[in-house]
Amino acid sequence: MARPVQLAPGSLALVLCRLEAPETAAAAGAEEPGGRAVFRAFRRANARCFWNSRLARAASRLTFQGWLRRGVLLVHAPPASLQVLRDAWCRRALRPPRGFRIRAVGDVFPVQMNPIAQSQFVPLAEVLCCAVSDLNAAQTVVTQESLLEHLKQHYPGHRVWHLIIQSFWMNSKEDRIFCRTLKAQRTVKHAHPIPYYN
């Protein structure tokens, strides 16, 4: 089993609420700000505190960690900078981003992910159907070369694609493609380079 991966180191969560109701903002034509815009506004508001150089320096070291629905901003910084933000919050000196009020600030413990291992098996029928569909969607003519290039690009690490494609097929005299690996014969009508796959 793969070792757990730490996705987010220890960080702070700021629970924000808008100063005006979302319906009012929508009626006024104001666009809902994204997480990065809110983060920049928060960092800017606290970096301007020239009278509190520790807070200004801590704010400049912040990095955006994430934005959760319902107005939760996740920020990360070196431990000393996070402590300065905690202290500022305790003293009611932490400034909110413009248009928001800070309802709560708290520590977020590291988020851990347990990776799910992939098998070495590649479902050939699925891969080939997806590849031909992707090429058709991109309006690229499906030829052995374009299919091989697509497979190499999207499924790296499999070095035998050219052998698979060659054994996969082509009988131009009958104007068909035969896929011996799909258990059932799949037919594609084409004018030599294959534009579509049915």
N, C-alpha and C. Protein backbone atom coordinates (compact mmCIF):
# COMPACT_ATOMS: atom_id res chain seq x y z
N MET A 1 0.84 -1.19 0.00
CA MET A 1 0.00 0.00 0.00
C MET A 1 0.88 1.24 0.00
N ALA A 2 0.48 2.24 -0.75
CA ALA A 2 1.25 3.47 -0.86
C ALA A 2 1.21 4.24 0.46
N ARG A 3 2.27 4.98 0.73
CA ARG A 3 2.34 5.76 1.96
C ARG A 3 1.41 6.97 1.86
N PRO A 4 0.82 7.38 2.99
CA PRO A 4 -0.06 8.56 2.96
C PRO A 4 0.70 9.81 2.51
N VAL A 5 0.00 10.68 1.83
CA VAL A 5 0.57 11.93 1.33
C VAL A 5 -0.10 13.09 2.07
N GLN A 6 0.70 14.03 2.54
CA GLN A 6 0.16 15.20 3.22
C GLN A 6 -0.16 16.26 2.18
N LEU A 7 -1.45 16.54 2.00
CA LEU A 7 -1.87 17.49 0.97
C LEU A 7 -1.73 18.92 1.44
N ALA A 8 -2.09 19.18 2.66
CA ALA A 8 -2.04 20.55 3.18
C ALA A 8 -1.35 20.53 4.52
N PRO A 9 -0.24 21.21 4.63
CA PRO A 9 0.40 21.30 5.95
C PRO A 9 -0.48 22.12 6.88
N GLY A 10 -0.11 22.20 8.15
CA GLY A 10 -0.90 22.97 9.10
C GLY A 10 -1.15 24.37 8.59
N SER A 11 -2.39 24.81 8.65
CA SER A 11 -2.74 26.12 8.13
C SER A 11 -3.85 26.72 8.98
N LEU A 12 -4.22 27.93 8.66
CA LEU A 12 -5.31 28.61 9.36
C LEU A 12 -6.54 28.68 8.46
N ALA A 13 -7.69 28.55 9.07
CA ALA A 13 -8.95 28.73 8.36
C ALA A 13 -9.60 30.01 8.87
N LEU A 14 -10.02 30.85 7.95
CA LEU A 14 -10.74 32.07 8.30
C LEU A 14 -12.17 31.91 7.79
N VAL A 15 -13.11 31.93 8.70
CA VAL A 15 -14.52 31.81 8.33
C VAL A 15 -15.03 33.23 8.10
N LEU A 16 -15.39 33.51 6.86
CA LEU A 16 -15.78 34.87 6.47
C LEU A 16 -17.27 34.94 6.18
N CYS A 17 -17.84 36.11 6.36
CA CYS A 17 -19.20 36.34 5.88
C CYS A 17 -19.24 37.70 5.22
N ARG A 18 -20.05 37.79 4.19
CA ARG A 18 -20.14 39.05 3.44
C ARG A 18 -20.86 40.09 4.28
N LEU A 19 -20.49 41.35 4.11
CA LEU A 19 -21.13 42.44 4.84
C LEU A 19 -22.53 42.71 4.32
N GLU A 20 -22.75 42.43 3.03
CA GLU A 20 -24.10 42.58 2.48
C GLU A 20 -24.59 41.21 2.05
N ALA A 21 -25.90 41.04 2.05
CA ALA A 21 -26.48 39.75 1.69
C ALA A 21 -26.16 39.42 0.24
N PRO A 22 -25.92 38.12 -0.09
CA PRO A 22 -25.61 37.73 -1.47
C PRO A 22 -26.68 38.17 -2.47
N GLU A 23 -27.98 38.18 -2.03
CA GLU A 23 -29.06 38.58 -2.95
C GLU A 23 -28.90 40.05 -3.34
N THR A 24 -28.51 40.88 -2.34
CA THR A 24 -28.32 42.31 -2.61
C THR A 24 -27.17 42.53 -3.57
N ALA A 25 -26.06 41.77 -3.35
CA ALA A 25 -24.88 41.89 -4.22
C ALA A 25 -25.23 41.45 -5.64
N ALA A 26 -26.01 40.37 -5.75
CA ALA A 26 -26.39 39.87 -7.07
C ALA A 26 -27.30 40.87 -7.78
N ALA A 27 -28.21 41.49 -7.01
CA ALA A 27 -29.12 42.47 -7.60
C ALA A 27 -28.36 43.69 -8.08
N ALA A 28 -27.28 44.03 -7.37
CA ALA A 28 -26.47 45.19 -7.76
C ALA A 28 -25.53 44.86 -8.92
N GLY A 29 -25.51 43.60 -9.33
CA GLY A 29 -24.66 43.19 -10.44
C GLY A 29 -23.24 42.88 -10.03
N ALA A 30 -22.99 42.78 -8.72
CA ALA A 30 -21.63 42.47 -8.25
C ALA A 30 -21.37 40.98 -8.45
N GLU A 31 -20.20 40.67 -8.97
CA GLU A 31 -19.83 39.28 -9.20
C GLU A 31 -19.24 38.70 -7.92
N GLU A 32 -19.60 37.47 -7.59
CA GLU A 32 -19.09 36.82 -6.39
C GLU A 32 -17.58 36.62 -6.54
N PRO A 33 -16.79 37.13 -5.59
CA PRO A 33 -15.33 36.99 -5.73
C PRO A 33 -14.88 35.56 -5.52
N GLY A 34 -13.83 35.17 -6.23
CA GLY A 34 -13.26 33.84 -6.07
C GLY A 34 -12.32 33.80 -4.88
N GLY A 35 -11.88 32.60 -4.52
CA GLY A 35 -11.01 32.42 -3.36
C GLY A 35 -9.71 33.19 -3.44
N ARG A 36 -9.08 33.18 -4.60
CA ARG A 36 -7.80 33.89 -4.74
C ARG A 36 -7.97 35.40 -4.59
N ALA A 37 -9.08 35.93 -5.12
CA ALA A 37 -9.33 37.37 -4.99
C ALA A 37 -9.56 37.73 -3.53
N VAL A 38 -10.29 36.90 -2.80
CA VAL A 38 -10.53 37.15 -1.37
C VAL A 38 -9.22 37.06 -0.61
N PHE A 39 -8.38 36.06 -0.95
CA PHE A 39 -7.08 35.92 -0.30
C PHE A 39 -6.21 37.15 -0.52
N ARG A 40 -6.15 37.63 -1.76
CA ARG A 40 -5.33 38.82 -2.05
C ARG A 40 -5.84 40.03 -1.27
N ALA A 41 -7.16 40.17 -1.17
CA ALA A 41 -7.74 41.30 -0.42
C ALA A 41 -7.40 41.18 1.07
N PHE A 42 -7.43 39.97 1.60
CA PHE A 42 -7.08 39.76 3.02
C PHE A 42 -5.61 40.07 3.26
N ARG A 43 -4.76 39.58 2.40
CA ARG A 43 -3.32 39.82 2.57
C ARG A 43 -3.01 41.31 2.44
N ARG A 44 -3.64 41.96 1.46
CA ARG A 44 -3.42 43.39 1.25
C ARG A 44 -3.87 44.20 2.46
N ALA A 45 -5.04 43.86 3.03
CA ALA A 45 -5.59 44.59 4.17
C ALA A 45 -4.64 44.53 5.37
N ASN A 46 -4.01 43.38 5.58
CA ASN A 46 -3.13 43.23 6.75
C ASN A 46 -1.70 43.66 6.46
N ALA A 47 -1.27 43.58 5.21
CA ALA A 47 0.08 44.04 4.86
C ALA A 47 0.19 45.56 4.95
N ARG A 48 -0.96 46.26 4.89
CA ARG A 48 -0.95 47.73 4.99
C ARG A 48 -0.81 48.24 6.42
N CYS A 49 -0.81 47.34 7.38
CA CYS A 49 -0.73 47.74 8.79
C CYS A 49 0.71 48.12 9.13
N PHE A 50 1.18 49.26 8.64
CA PHE A 50 2.58 49.66 8.84
C PHE A 50 2.88 49.91 10.30
N TRP A 51 1.87 50.22 11.12
CA TRP A 51 2.07 50.44 12.55
C TRP A 51 2.31 49.13 13.31
N ASN A 52 1.99 48.00 12.66
CA ASN A 52 2.23 46.69 13.27
C ASN A 52 3.09 45.90 12.28
N SER A 53 4.41 46.13 12.36
CA SER A 53 5.31 45.55 11.36
C SER A 53 5.30 44.02 11.38
N ARG A 54 5.08 43.42 12.56
CA ARG A 54 5.04 41.95 12.63
C ARG A 54 3.84 41.40 11.84
N LEU A 55 2.69 42.05 11.99
CA LEU A 55 1.51 41.60 11.25
C LEU A 55 1.67 41.84 9.75
N ALA A 56 2.22 42.99 9.39
CA ALA A 56 2.44 43.30 7.96
C ALA A 56 3.39 42.28 7.34
N ARG A 57 4.46 41.93 8.06
CA ARG A 57 5.43 40.96 7.55
C ARG A 57 4.80 39.56 7.45
N ALA A 58 4.03 39.18 8.48
CA ALA A 58 3.37 37.87 8.48
C ALA A 58 2.38 37.78 7.31
N ALA A 59 1.64 38.86 7.07
CA ALA A 59 0.66 38.86 5.97
C ALA A 59 1.35 38.71 4.62
N SER A 60 2.52 39.32 4.47
CA SER A 60 3.23 39.23 3.19
C SER A 60 3.77 37.82 2.94
N ARG A 61 3.89 37.03 3.99
CA ARG A 61 4.40 35.65 3.85
C ARG A 61 3.30 34.62 3.65
N LEU A 62 2.07 35.06 3.67
CA LEU A 62 0.95 34.12 3.52
C LEU A 62 0.89 33.55 2.11
N THR A 63 0.46 32.31 2.02
CA THR A 63 0.19 31.69 0.71
C THR A 63 -1.25 31.17 0.73
N PHE A 64 -1.84 31.17 -0.43
CA PHE A 64 -3.22 30.69 -0.59
C PHE A 64 -3.23 29.17 -0.54
N GLN A 65 -4.05 28.63 0.34
CA GLN A 65 -4.13 27.17 0.48
C GLN A 65 -5.41 26.63 -0.13
N GLY A 66 -6.49 27.40 -0.03
CA GLY A 66 -7.75 26.91 -0.60
C GLY A 66 -8.92 27.80 -0.22
N TRP A 67 -10.04 27.56 -0.87
CA TRP A 67 -11.26 28.30 -0.63
C TRP A 67 -12.40 27.31 -0.60
N LEU A 68 -13.07 27.23 0.53
CA LEU A 68 -14.18 26.30 0.66
C LEU A 68 -15.49 27.06 0.51
N ARG A 69 -16.49 26.38 0.01
CA ARG A 69 -17.80 27.02 -0.11
C ARG A 69 -18.27 27.49 1.26
N ARG A 70 -19.13 28.43 1.27
CA ARG A 70 -19.64 29.07 2.48
C ARG A 70 -18.60 29.98 3.11
N GLY A 71 -17.61 30.41 2.33
CA GLY A 71 -16.72 31.47 2.77
C GLY A 71 -15.64 31.09 3.75
N VAL A 72 -14.98 29.95 3.53
CA VAL A 72 -13.86 29.56 4.40
C VAL A 72 -12.58 29.69 3.58
N LEU A 73 -11.69 30.56 4.03
CA LEU A 73 -10.40 30.80 3.37
C LEU A 73 -9.32 30.06 4.13
N LEU A 74 -8.55 29.23 3.43
CA LEU A 74 -7.43 28.51 4.04
C LEU A 74 -6.13 29.17 3.63
N VAL A 75 -5.31 29.54 4.62
CA VAL A 75 -4.04 30.20 4.34
C VAL A 75 -2.92 29.44 5.04
N HIS A 76 -1.72 29.56 4.46
CA HIS A 76 -0.55 28.88 5.02
C HIS A 76 0.60 29.87 5.08
N ALA A 77 1.46 29.69 6.05
CA ALA A 77 2.65 30.53 6.22
C ALA A 77 3.60 29.79 7.14
N PRO A 78 4.84 30.25 7.30
CA PRO A 78 5.72 29.64 8.29
C PRO A 78 5.07 29.71 9.68
N PRO A 79 5.39 28.77 10.57
CA PRO A 79 4.74 28.72 11.89
C PRO A 79 4.77 30.04 12.66
N ALA A 80 5.88 30.77 12.61
CA ALA A 80 5.97 32.04 13.35
C ALA A 80 4.97 33.05 12.80
N SER A 81 4.80 33.08 11.49
CA SER A 81 3.84 34.02 10.88
C SER A 81 2.41 33.64 11.22
N LEU A 82 2.12 32.34 11.26
CA LEU A 82 0.77 31.91 11.64
C LEU A 82 0.48 32.31 13.09
N GLN A 83 1.50 32.24 13.94
CA GLN A 83 1.31 32.64 15.33
C GLN A 83 1.00 34.13 15.45
N VAL A 84 1.65 34.94 14.61
CA VAL A 84 1.36 36.38 14.60
C VAL A 84 -0.09 36.62 14.22
N LEU A 85 -0.61 35.86 13.24
CA LEU A 85 -2.02 36.00 12.84
C LEU A 85 -2.95 35.57 13.96
N ARG A 86 -2.61 34.49 14.65
CA ARG A 86 -3.43 34.05 15.79
C ARG A 86 -3.49 35.13 16.86
N ASP A 87 -2.31 35.69 17.16
CA ASP A 87 -2.26 36.75 18.19
C ASP A 87 -3.06 37.97 17.76
N ALA A 88 -2.96 38.34 16.49
CA ALA A 88 -3.71 39.50 15.99
C ALA A 88 -5.21 39.25 16.10
N TRP A 89 -5.64 38.00 15.81
CA TRP A 89 -7.05 37.66 15.94
C TRP A 89 -7.49 37.76 17.40
N CYS A 90 -6.67 37.24 18.31
CA CYS A 90 -7.01 37.29 19.75
C CYS A 90 -7.15 38.74 20.23
N ARG A 91 -6.32 39.64 19.70
CA ARG A 91 -6.34 41.04 20.11
C ARG A 91 -7.33 41.87 19.27
N ARG A 92 -8.09 41.21 18.41
CA ARG A 92 -9.05 41.87 17.51
C ARG A 92 -8.36 42.85 16.56
N ALA A 93 -7.12 42.53 16.18
CA ALA A 93 -6.37 43.41 15.29
C ALA A 93 -6.28 42.86 13.87
N LEU A 94 -6.77 41.65 13.65
CA LEU A 94 -6.70 41.04 12.32
C LEU A 94 -7.77 41.67 11.44
N ARG A 95 -7.36 42.18 10.30
CA ARG A 95 -8.29 42.90 9.42
C ARG A 95 -8.88 41.96 8.37
N PRO A 96 -10.18 42.08 8.11
CA PRO A 96 -10.82 41.21 7.12
C PRO A 96 -10.58 41.73 5.71
N PRO A 97 -10.80 40.89 4.70
CA PRO A 97 -10.76 41.40 3.33
C PRO A 97 -11.93 42.35 3.12
N ARG A 98 -11.76 43.26 2.21
CA ARG A 98 -12.80 44.26 1.96
C ARG A 98 -14.11 43.60 1.55
N GLY A 99 -15.19 44.03 2.17
CA GLY A 99 -16.51 43.48 1.86
C GLY A 99 -16.88 42.28 2.70
N PHE A 100 -16.00 41.87 3.63
CA PHE A 100 -16.25 40.70 4.46
C PHE A 100 -16.04 41.04 5.93
N ARG A 101 -16.55 40.15 6.77
CA ARG A 101 -16.28 40.19 8.20
C ARG A 101 -15.74 38.83 8.58
N ILE A 102 -14.74 38.78 9.47
CA ILE A 102 -14.19 37.50 9.92
C ILE A 102 -15.03 37.02 11.10
N ARG A 103 -15.67 35.87 10.95
CA ARG A 103 -16.49 35.31 12.02
C ARG A 103 -15.67 34.44 12.96
N ALA A 104 -14.68 33.75 12.42
CA ALA A 104 -13.87 32.86 13.26
C ALA A 104 -12.54 32.58 12.57
N VAL A 105 -11.53 32.29 13.36
CA VAL A 105 -10.21 31.88 12.87
C VAL A 105 -9.81 30.65 13.66
N GLY A 106 -9.28 29.65 12.99
CA GLY A 106 -8.88 28.44 13.70
C GLY A 106 -7.82 27.67 12.95
N ASP A 107 -7.17 26.79 13.69
CA ASP A 107 -6.13 25.93 13.11
C ASP A 107 -6.76 24.78 12.35
N VAL A 108 -6.17 24.47 11.21
CA VAL A 108 -6.60 23.32 10.42
C VAL A 108 -5.44 22.33 10.45
N PHE A 109 -5.73 21.13 10.87
CA PHE A 109 -4.67 20.13 10.93
C PHE A 109 -4.39 19.59 9.54
N PRO A 110 -3.20 19.05 9.33
CA PRO A 110 -2.83 18.60 7.98
C PRO A 110 -3.86 17.64 7.39
N VAL A 111 -4.17 17.87 6.14
CA VAL A 111 -5.07 16.99 5.41
C VAL A 111 -4.23 15.87 4.81
N GLN A 112 -4.63 14.65 5.06
CA GLN A 112 -3.84 13.50 4.61
C GLN A 112 -4.62 12.72 3.57
N MET A 113 -3.92 12.28 2.53
CA MET A 113 -4.54 11.48 1.48
C MET A 113 -3.87 10.12 1.44
N ASN A 114 -4.67 9.07 1.38
CA ASN A 114 -4.14 7.73 1.18
C ASN A 114 -4.31 7.38 -0.29
N PRO A 115 -3.20 7.39 -1.06
CA PRO A 115 -3.32 7.13 -2.51
C PRO A 115 -3.87 5.75 -2.81
N ILE A 116 -4.69 5.68 -3.83
CA ILE A 116 -5.23 4.40 -4.30
C ILE A 116 -4.34 3.93 -5.44
N ALA A 117 -3.79 2.74 -5.30
CA ALA A 117 -2.86 2.22 -6.30
C ALA A 117 -3.61 1.83 -7.58
N GLN A 118 -3.00 2.12 -8.71
CA GLN A 118 -3.55 1.69 -9.99
C GLN A 118 -2.88 0.39 -10.39
N SER A 119 -3.65 -0.45 -11.07
CA SER A 119 -3.06 -1.70 -11.53
C SER A 119 -2.26 -1.43 -12.80
N GLN A 120 -1.47 -2.39 -13.21
CA GLN A 120 -0.70 -2.28 -14.44
C GLN A 120 -1.57 -2.55 -15.66
N PHE A 121 -2.77 -3.07 -15.42
CA PHE A 121 -3.69 -3.41 -16.50
C PHE A 121 -4.27 -2.15 -17.13
N VAL A 122 -4.26 -2.09 -18.44
CA VAL A 122 -4.88 -0.99 -19.17
C VAL A 122 -6.02 -1.59 -19.98
N PRO A 123 -7.28 -1.17 -19.74
CA PRO A 123 -8.41 -1.74 -20.50
C PRO A 123 -8.36 -1.26 -21.94
N LEU A 124 -7.84 -2.09 -22.80
CA LEU A 124 -7.55 -1.71 -24.18
C LEU A 124 -8.77 -1.19 -24.92
N ALA A 125 -9.90 -1.87 -24.81
CA ALA A 125 -11.11 -1.44 -25.53
C ALA A 125 -11.50 -0.03 -25.10
N GLU A 126 -11.51 0.23 -23.80
CA GLU A 126 -11.86 1.56 -23.27
C GLU A 126 -10.89 2.63 -23.74
N VAL A 127 -9.60 2.29 -23.68
CA VAL A 127 -8.55 3.25 -24.07
C VAL A 127 -8.69 3.62 -25.54
N LEU A 128 -8.87 2.63 -26.40
CA LEU A 128 -8.96 2.91 -27.83
C LEU A 128 -10.23 3.69 -28.18
N CYS A 129 -11.35 3.33 -27.56
CA CYS A 129 -12.59 4.06 -27.83
C CYS A 129 -12.46 5.51 -27.36
N CYS A 130 -11.87 5.73 -26.19
CA CYS A 130 -11.68 7.09 -25.67
C CYS A 130 -10.74 7.88 -26.58
N ALA A 131 -9.67 7.24 -27.03
CA ALA A 131 -8.70 7.93 -27.88
C ALA A 131 -9.32 8.36 -29.19
N VAL A 132 -10.07 7.48 -29.83
CA VAL A 132 -10.72 7.83 -31.10
C VAL A 132 -11.77 8.92 -30.88
N SER A 133 -12.51 8.82 -29.77
CA SER A 133 -13.50 9.84 -29.45
C SER A 133 -12.84 11.20 -29.23
N ASP A 134 -11.71 11.23 -28.51
CA ASP A 134 -10.98 12.49 -28.27
C ASP A 134 -10.47 13.09 -29.58
N LEU A 135 -9.95 12.25 -30.45
CA LEU A 135 -9.45 12.74 -31.74
C LEU A 135 -10.59 13.28 -32.59
N ASN A 136 -11.74 12.60 -32.58
CA ASN A 136 -12.90 13.09 -33.32
C ASN A 136 -13.37 14.43 -32.76
N ALA A 137 -13.39 14.54 -31.42
CA ALA A 137 -13.83 15.80 -30.79
C ALA A 137 -12.89 16.94 -31.15
N ALA A 138 -11.60 16.63 -31.33
CA ALA A 138 -10.62 17.65 -31.71
C ALA A 138 -10.58 17.85 -33.23
N GLN A 139 -11.47 17.15 -33.95
CA GLN A 139 -11.54 17.20 -35.41
C GLN A 139 -10.20 16.85 -36.04
N THR A 140 -9.56 15.84 -35.45
CA THR A 140 -8.30 15.32 -35.98
C THR A 140 -8.60 14.01 -36.68
N VAL A 141 -8.10 13.85 -37.88
CA VAL A 141 -8.32 12.62 -38.63
C VAL A 141 -7.62 11.48 -37.90
N VAL A 142 -8.37 10.39 -37.70
CA VAL A 142 -7.82 9.25 -36.97
C VAL A 142 -7.07 8.35 -37.93
N THR A 143 -5.77 8.37 -37.82
CA THR A 143 -4.91 7.45 -38.59
C THR A 143 -4.11 6.65 -37.58
N GLN A 144 -3.41 5.64 -38.07
CA GLN A 144 -2.57 4.87 -37.14
C GLN A 144 -1.57 5.79 -36.45
N GLU A 145 -1.00 6.74 -37.21
CA GLU A 145 0.01 7.65 -36.64
C GLU A 145 -0.60 8.57 -35.58
N SER A 146 -1.77 9.18 -35.90
CA SER A 146 -2.36 10.11 -34.94
C SER A 146 -2.86 9.37 -33.70
N LEU A 147 -3.37 8.16 -33.89
CA LEU A 147 -3.82 7.36 -32.75
C LEU A 147 -2.64 6.96 -31.88
N LEU A 148 -1.55 6.55 -32.51
CA LEU A 148 -0.34 6.17 -31.76
C LEU A 148 0.20 7.35 -30.97
N GLU A 149 0.24 8.53 -31.60
CA GLU A 149 0.73 9.74 -30.92
C GLU A 149 -0.15 10.09 -29.73
N HIS A 150 -1.47 9.99 -29.92
CA HIS A 150 -2.41 10.30 -28.84
C HIS A 150 -2.22 9.34 -27.66
N LEU A 151 -2.07 8.07 -27.96
CA LEU A 151 -1.90 7.07 -26.89
C LEU A 151 -0.60 7.29 -26.14
N LYS A 152 0.48 7.61 -26.86
CA LYS A 152 1.77 7.87 -26.20
C LYS A 152 1.68 9.08 -25.29
N GLN A 153 0.94 10.09 -25.73
CA GLN A 153 0.83 11.34 -24.96
C GLN A 153 -0.03 11.15 -23.71
N HIS A 154 -1.15 10.45 -23.84
CA HIS A 154 -2.11 10.35 -22.74
C HIS A 154 -1.92 9.11 -21.86
N TYR A 155 -1.18 8.15 -22.33
CA TYR A 155 -0.91 6.95 -21.53
C TYR A 155 0.59 6.67 -21.55
N PRO A 156 1.37 7.58 -20.96
CA PRO A 156 2.82 7.39 -21.00
C PRO A 156 3.22 6.18 -20.16
N GLY A 157 4.37 5.65 -20.46
CA GLY A 157 4.87 4.52 -19.70
C GLY A 157 4.56 3.18 -20.35
N HIS A 158 3.65 3.18 -21.30
CA HIS A 158 3.35 1.94 -22.02
C HIS A 158 4.09 2.00 -23.35
N ARG A 159 5.13 1.21 -23.46
CA ARG A 159 6.04 1.33 -24.60
C ARG A 159 5.64 0.46 -25.79
N VAL A 160 4.55 -0.26 -25.67
CA VAL A 160 4.21 -1.21 -26.72
C VAL A 160 3.00 -0.76 -27.54
N TRP A 161 2.68 0.53 -27.49
CA TRP A 161 1.50 0.99 -28.23
C TRP A 161 1.61 0.69 -29.72
N HIS A 162 2.80 0.87 -30.30
CA HIS A 162 2.91 0.62 -31.75
C HIS A 162 2.61 -0.84 -32.09
N LEU A 163 3.00 -1.76 -31.22
CA LEU A 163 2.69 -3.18 -31.46
C LEU A 163 1.19 -3.43 -31.31
N ILE A 164 0.60 -2.80 -30.32
CA ILE A 164 -0.84 -2.98 -30.10
C ILE A 164 -1.63 -2.44 -31.29
N ILE A 165 -1.24 -1.24 -31.75
CA ILE A 165 -1.95 -0.63 -32.88
C ILE A 165 -1.80 -1.48 -34.14
N GLN A 166 -0.59 -2.00 -34.38
CA GLN A 166 -0.39 -2.84 -35.57
C GLN A 166 -1.19 -4.13 -35.49
N SER A 167 -1.24 -4.73 -34.30
CA SER A 167 -1.99 -5.98 -34.18
C SER A 167 -3.49 -5.70 -34.09
N PHE A 168 -3.83 -4.46 -33.81
CA PHE A 168 -5.21 -4.04 -33.63
C PHE A 168 -5.96 -4.21 -34.92
N TRP A 169 -4.95 -4.13 -36.13
CA TRP A 169 -5.84 -4.02 -37.24
C TRP A 169 -5.85 -3.57 -38.65
N MET A 170 -6.03 -3.23 -39.57
CA MET A 170 -6.52 -2.50 -40.70
C MET A 170 -6.63 -3.36 -41.94
N ASN A 171 -7.76 -3.29 -42.51
CA ASN A 171 -8.01 -3.98 -43.77
C ASN A 171 -8.69 -2.97 -44.68
N SER A 172 -7.89 -2.25 -45.47
CA SER A 172 -8.44 -1.17 -46.29
C SER A 172 -9.28 -1.67 -47.45
N LYS A 173 -9.00 -2.87 -47.94
CA LYS A 173 -9.75 -3.36 -49.09
C LYS A 173 -11.23 -3.48 -48.74
N GLU A 174 -11.53 -3.89 -47.52
CA GLU A 174 -12.92 -4.05 -47.14
C GLU A 174 -13.47 -2.77 -46.53
N ASP A 175 -12.64 -1.72 -46.50
CA ASP A 175 -13.08 -0.45 -45.98
C ASP A 175 -13.55 -0.57 -44.53
N ARG A 176 -12.81 -1.36 -43.74
CA ARG A 176 -13.20 -1.59 -42.35
C ARG A 176 -11.98 -1.61 -41.46
N ILE A 177 -12.25 -1.40 -40.19
CA ILE A 177 -11.23 -1.60 -39.16
C ILE A 177 -11.69 -2.77 -38.32
N PHE A 178 -10.81 -3.71 -38.11
CA PHE A 178 -11.15 -4.85 -37.28
C PHE A 178 -10.39 -4.74 -35.97
N CYS A 179 -11.11 -4.89 -34.88
CA CYS A 179 -10.46 -4.86 -33.57
C CYS A 179 -10.57 -6.25 -32.98
N ARG A 180 -9.52 -7.02 -33.10
CA ARG A 180 -9.54 -8.40 -32.60
C ARG A 180 -9.54 -8.44 -31.08
N THR A 181 -9.15 -7.34 -30.45
CA THR A 181 -9.04 -7.35 -28.99
C THR A 181 -10.36 -7.03 -28.30
N LEU A 182 -11.38 -6.62 -29.03
CA LEU A 182 -12.63 -6.21 -28.40
C LEU A 182 -13.65 -7.33 -28.30
N LYS A 183 -13.29 -8.56 -28.64
CA LYS A 183 -14.12 -9.74 -28.62
C LYS A 183 -15.23 -9.68 -29.67
N ALA A 184 -15.61 -8.49 -30.06
CA ALA A 184 -16.60 -8.33 -31.12
C ALA A 184 -15.97 -7.45 -32.18
N GLN A 185 -16.32 -7.71 -33.40
CA GLN A 185 -15.75 -6.93 -34.51
C GLN A 185 -16.41 -5.56 -34.52
N ARG A 186 -15.59 -4.52 -34.49
CA ARG A 186 -16.11 -3.16 -34.57
C ARG A 186 -15.82 -2.65 -35.97
N THR A 187 -16.79 -2.05 -36.58
CA THR A 187 -16.63 -1.60 -37.95
C THR A 187 -16.70 -0.09 -38.01
N VAL A 188 -15.80 0.47 -38.80
CA VAL A 188 -15.79 1.90 -39.00
C VAL A 188 -15.74 2.15 -40.49
N LYS A 189 -16.70 2.88 -41.00
CA LYS A 189 -16.65 3.24 -42.41
C LYS A 189 -15.76 4.45 -42.53
N HIS A 190 -14.92 4.45 -43.52
CA HIS A 190 -13.99 5.56 -43.65
C HIS A 190 -13.53 5.71 -45.09
N ALA A 191 -13.02 6.89 -45.37
CA ALA A 191 -12.35 7.13 -46.61
C ALA A 191 -10.89 7.25 -46.23
N HIS A 192 -10.17 6.31 -46.48
CA HIS A 192 -8.88 5.88 -45.95
C HIS A 192 -8.47 6.41 -44.57
N PRO A 193 -8.08 7.68 -44.34
CA PRO A 193 -7.91 8.05 -42.94
C PRO A 193 -9.30 8.02 -42.30
N ILE A 194 -9.40 7.52 -41.09
CA ILE A 194 -10.70 7.27 -40.48
C ILE A 194 -11.19 8.52 -39.78
N PRO A 195 -12.24 9.17 -40.28
CA PRO A 195 -12.72 10.35 -39.59
C PRO A 195 -13.61 10.06 -38.39
N TYR A 196 -14.32 8.94 -38.41
CA TYR A 196 -15.27 8.66 -37.33
C TYR A 196 -15.15 7.23 -36.87
N TYR A 197 -15.61 6.99 -35.65
CA TYR A 197 -15.58 5.67 -35.05
C TYR A 197 -16.97 5.40 -34.47
N ASN A 198 -17.64 4.36 -34.94
CA ASN A 198 -18.99 4.04 -34.44
C ASN A 198 -18.98 2.76 -33.66
